[in-house]
Amino acid sequence: RSTLMRSSAASDVYKRQWGSFTILDIQPESLTIKIILRPGNELKYHSHEHRDEVWTVLSGTGYTIVDDVRREVKSGDVITLPLGCRHTIHATSELQVIEVQTGAILDADDKIRY
């Protein structure tokens, strides 16, 4: 695990240019995060070698791009992101998402950017 994951406690909030994220729960093979994306912002297009992710949209609107396929998203939508797939999410309004990462290795450095 990376330093961020080892030293983080649930409810720690991390501010980023695109918005913020809050670590909600840390388990040996899962990590749960709440992401808030400001309107017009997005996560970098990326993939992971060691983990799967599931995004659940809590509120707002936007779109995902998963392996070059665009999909509009809104509250209640669930996006499954298997290990190795390229993915991003873009907020058209403030977008709140729960991200659950699962895998034997949950490292913040497990990110390939495109």
Protein backbone atom coordinates (compact mmCIF):
# COMPACT_ATOMS: atom_id res chain seq x y z
CA ARG A 1 0.00 0.00 0.00
CA SER A 2 1.09 3.54 -0.66
CA THR A 3 1.84 6.06 2.06
CA LEU A 4 -1.47 7.81 1.41
CA MET A 5 -3.47 4.64 2.02
CA ARG A 6 -1.44 3.51 5.03
CA SER A 7 -1.54 6.87 6.78
CA SER A 8 -5.14 7.77 5.95
CA ALA A 9 -8.03 7.45 8.31
CA ALA A 10 -11.68 7.24 7.38
CA SER A 11 -13.17 10.71 6.90
CA ASP A 12 -9.87 12.35 5.83
CA VAL A 13 -10.73 14.86 3.05
CA TYR A 14 -8.26 15.53 0.24
CA LYS A 15 -8.71 18.63 -1.95
CA ARG A 16 -7.74 18.48 -5.61
CA GLN A 17 -8.00 20.87 -8.55
CA TRP A 18 -11.02 18.92 -9.85
CA GLY A 19 -12.83 18.71 -6.48
CA SER A 20 -12.18 16.49 -3.47
CA PHE A 21 -12.31 12.95 -2.15
CA THR A 22 -12.99 11.51 1.28
CA ILE A 23 -11.80 8.10 2.43
CA LEU A 24 -14.83 6.37 3.97
CA ASP A 25 -13.51 2.89 4.75
CA ILE A 26 -10.23 0.96 4.53
CA GLN A 27 -10.16 -2.84 4.59
CA PRO A 28 -7.37 -5.29 3.66
CA GLU A 29 -8.78 -5.84 0.15
CA SER A 30 -11.15 -2.90 -0.34
CA LEU A 31 -11.07 0.88 -0.15
CA THR A 32 -14.21 3.05 -0.26
CA ILE A 33 -13.98 6.71 -1.28
CA LYS A 34 -16.50 9.50 -1.84
CA ILE A 35 -15.50 11.69 -4.80
CA ILE A 36 -16.94 15.14 -5.45
CA LEU A 37 -16.22 16.53 -8.91
CA ARG A 38 -16.87 20.21 -9.57
CA PRO A 39 -18.87 21.04 -12.74
CA GLY A 40 -16.71 20.95 -15.86
CA ASN A 41 -13.99 18.85 -14.21
CA GLU A 42 -12.94 15.25 -14.73
CA LEU A 43 -10.56 12.58 -13.54
CA LYS A 44 -7.63 11.79 -15.83
CA TYR A 45 -8.19 8.95 -18.32
CA HIS A 46 -6.41 6.02 -16.67
CA SER A 47 -6.36 2.31 -15.85
CA HIS A 48 -5.19 0.08 -13.01
CA GLU A 49 -3.13 -3.12 -13.10
CA HIS A 50 -4.05 -4.44 -9.66
CA ARG A 51 -7.61 -3.43 -8.81
CA ASP A 52 -11.21 -3.36 -9.94
CA GLU A 53 -13.43 -0.37 -9.20
CA VAL A 54 -17.16 0.28 -8.99
CA TRP A 55 -18.54 3.81 -9.19
CA THR A 56 -22.02 4.56 -7.84
CA VAL A 57 -23.36 8.01 -8.74
CA LEU A 58 -25.02 9.58 -5.69
CA SER A 59 -26.01 12.91 -7.25
CA GLY A 60 -25.41 15.11 -10.24
CA THR A 61 -24.91 14.46 -13.92
CA GLY A 62 -21.97 13.78 -16.17
CA TYR A 63 -20.51 11.11 -18.38
CA THR A 64 -18.00 8.31 -18.20
CA ILE A 65 -15.63 7.10 -20.87
CA VAL A 66 -14.75 3.43 -20.43
CA ASP A 67 -12.45 1.90 -23.05
CA ASP A 68 -13.30 4.79 -25.42
CA VAL A 69 -17.10 4.36 -25.02
CA ARG A 70 -18.97 7.40 -23.68
CA ARG A 71 -22.01 6.95 -21.42
CA GLU A 72 -24.15 9.63 -19.76
CA VAL A 73 -24.53 9.12 -15.99
CA LYS A 74 -26.89 10.40 -13.31
CA SER A 75 -27.92 9.64 -9.73
CA GLY A 76 -28.36 5.90 -9.15
CA ASP A 77 -26.14 4.73 -12.01
CA VAL A 78 -23.50 2.08 -11.26
CA ILE A 79 -20.39 1.75 -13.42
CA THR A 80 -18.27 -1.42 -13.14
CA LEU A 81 -14.60 -0.91 -14.01
CA PRO A 82 -12.68 -4.17 -14.30
CA LEU A 83 -8.93 -4.29 -13.85
CA GLY A 84 -7.12 -2.99 -16.94
CA CYS A 85 -9.97 -0.97 -18.47
CA ARG A 86 -9.31 2.67 -19.35
CA HIS A 87 -11.73 5.02 -17.64
CA THR A 88 -12.61 8.58 -16.65
CA ILE A 89 -15.61 10.49 -15.38
CA HIS A 90 -16.61 14.06 -16.27
CA ALA A 91 -19.01 16.25 -14.28
CA THR A 92 -21.53 18.42 -16.13
CA SER A 93 -23.03 19.42 -12.75
CA GLU A 94 -21.52 18.77 -9.32
CA LEU A 95 -21.11 15.00 -9.32
CA GLN A 96 -20.91 12.92 -6.15
CA VAL A 97 -19.69 9.36 -6.59
CA ILE A 98 -18.88 6.47 -4.27
CA GLU A 99 -15.85 4.53 -5.53
CA VAL A 100 -15.17 1.05 -4.17
CA GLN A 101 -11.75 -0.36 -5.05
CA THR A 102 -11.15 -4.09 -4.62
CA GLY A 103 -8.02 -6.17 -5.01
CA ALA A 104 -5.08 -7.66 -3.18
CA ILE A 105 -3.01 -4.53 -3.94
CA LEU A 106 -4.65 -1.15 -3.32
CA ASP A 107 -1.93 1.38 -4.06
CA ALA A 108 -2.39 5.01 -5.09
CA ASP A 109 0.53 4.49 -7.51
CA ASP A 110 -1.44 1.78 -9.39
CA LYS A 111 -2.50 4.23 -12.09
CA ILE A 112 -1.51 4.33 -15.75
CA ARG A 113 -2.43 7.69 -17.33
CA TYR A 114 -3.30 8.10 -21.01
